[in-house]
Amino acid sequence: MKSKRDRLLDPAYIDNINKVGEVLVRFRDEIIVPNGNLADVKNTLGLRYFSNNENKDNIKFTWRVQSINTKSAVIKMNFDDPL
């Protein structure tokens, strides 16, 4: 697991995950919003995850951006087979 200092060097990092699967993602730098329209960013945001788990291909989930601003986003994760 990365240290907080190392995570802060990433373009974005997970700051918090709550019990209902909402992930708070913080952007290291403010994101550029074309035409000031956050809805465009919300609809085009990509998600990539990395895992140390050998069975990462077995993890199936969907996600949706709940809210977004120029410094952070809240993403709702829905796992097909939650723990």
Protein backbone atom coordinates (compact mmCIF):
# COMPACT_ATOMS: atom_id res chain seq x y z
CA MET A 1 0.00 0.00 0.00
CA LYS A 2 1.27 3.47 -0.87
CA SER A 3 2.01 6.01 1.81
CA LYS A 4 -0.10 9.17 1.94
CA ARG A 5 2.90 11.13 0.63
CA ASP A 6 3.25 8.77 -2.37
CA ARG A 7 -0.50 8.89 -3.10
CA LEU A 8 -0.34 12.66 -3.23
CA LEU A 9 2.04 12.36 -6.18
CA ASP A 10 -0.56 10.44 -8.23
CA PRO A 11 -2.87 12.46 -10.50
CA ALA A 12 -5.78 11.22 -8.36
CA TYR A 13 -6.06 9.08 -5.26
CA ILE A 14 -8.72 7.50 -3.04
CA ASP A 15 -9.15 9.58 0.08
CA ASN A 16 -12.02 7.65 1.65
CA ILE A 17 -14.46 4.78 1.08
CA ASN A 18 -17.65 4.71 3.13
CA LYS A 19 -19.85 1.78 4.14
CA VAL A 20 -22.28 2.22 1.24
CA GLY A 21 -19.55 2.05 -1.41
CA GLU A 22 -19.05 5.74 -2.08
CA VAL A 23 -15.42 6.47 -2.95
CA LEU A 24 -14.02 9.96 -2.45
CA VAL A 25 -11.38 10.57 -5.11
CA ARG A 26 -9.18 13.65 -4.79
CA PHE A 27 -7.37 15.17 -7.78
CA ARG A 28 -3.81 16.32 -7.12
CA ASP A 29 -4.32 19.35 -9.36
CA GLU A 30 -7.59 21.04 -10.19
CA ILE A 31 -9.08 19.46 -13.27
CA ILE A 32 -9.66 21.59 -16.32
CA VAL A 33 -13.35 21.90 -17.11
CA PRO A 34 -14.01 22.65 -20.79
CA ASN A 35 -16.58 25.43 -21.13
CA GLY A 36 -17.08 25.26 -17.35
CA ASN A 37 -19.42 22.28 -17.78
CA LEU A 38 -18.80 19.67 -15.07
CA ALA A 39 -21.51 17.44 -16.58
CA ASP A 40 -19.19 16.81 -19.55
CA VAL A 41 -16.39 15.76 -17.21
CA LYS A 42 -18.78 13.59 -15.18
CA ASN A 43 -19.86 11.74 -18.33
CA THR A 44 -16.34 11.17 -19.69
CA LEU A 45 -14.40 10.36 -16.53
CA GLY A 46 -12.48 7.09 -16.81
CA LEU A 47 -11.79 4.67 -13.98
CA ARG A 48 -8.84 2.30 -13.73
CA TYR A 49 -7.95 0.23 -10.71
CA PHE A 50 -4.87 -1.69 -9.64
CA SER A 51 -4.83 -4.61 -7.28
CA ASN A 52 -2.27 -6.78 -5.55
CA ASN A 53 -4.90 -9.52 -5.54
CA GLU A 54 -4.13 -12.36 -7.98
CA ASN A 55 -7.86 -12.79 -8.61
CA LYS A 56 -8.47 -9.19 -9.68
CA ASP A 57 -10.11 -10.37 -12.92
CA ASN A 58 -12.84 -11.93 -10.78
CA ILE A 59 -13.82 -8.56 -9.36
CA LYS A 60 -16.88 -7.33 -11.26
CA PHE A 61 -18.40 -3.94 -10.56
CA THR A 62 -20.20 -0.97 -12.02
CA TRP A 63 -19.72 2.62 -11.02
CA ARG A 64 -21.36 6.00 -11.34
CA VAL A 65 -20.12 9.49 -10.56
CA GLN A 66 -22.36 10.85 -7.79
CA SER A 67 -20.80 14.31 -7.67
CA ILE A 68 -17.76 16.08 -9.02
CA ASN A 69 -15.94 19.37 -8.69
CA THR A 70 -12.53 20.58 -9.84
CA LYS A 71 -10.72 19.04 -6.82
CA SER A 72 -12.63 15.81 -6.09
CA ALA A 73 -15.29 13.33 -7.14
CA VAL A 74 -17.58 10.92 -5.29
CA ILE A 75 -17.99 7.64 -7.15
CA LYS A 76 -20.58 5.03 -6.17
CA MET A 77 -19.25 1.49 -6.58
CA ASN A 78 -21.61 -1.48 -7.01
CA PHE A 79 -19.95 -4.89 -6.78
CA ASP A 80 -21.55 -7.99 -8.28
CA ASP A 81 -20.28 -10.09 -5.38
CA PRO A 82 -19.63 -7.83 -2.37
CA LEU A 83 -17.86 -9.20 0.69
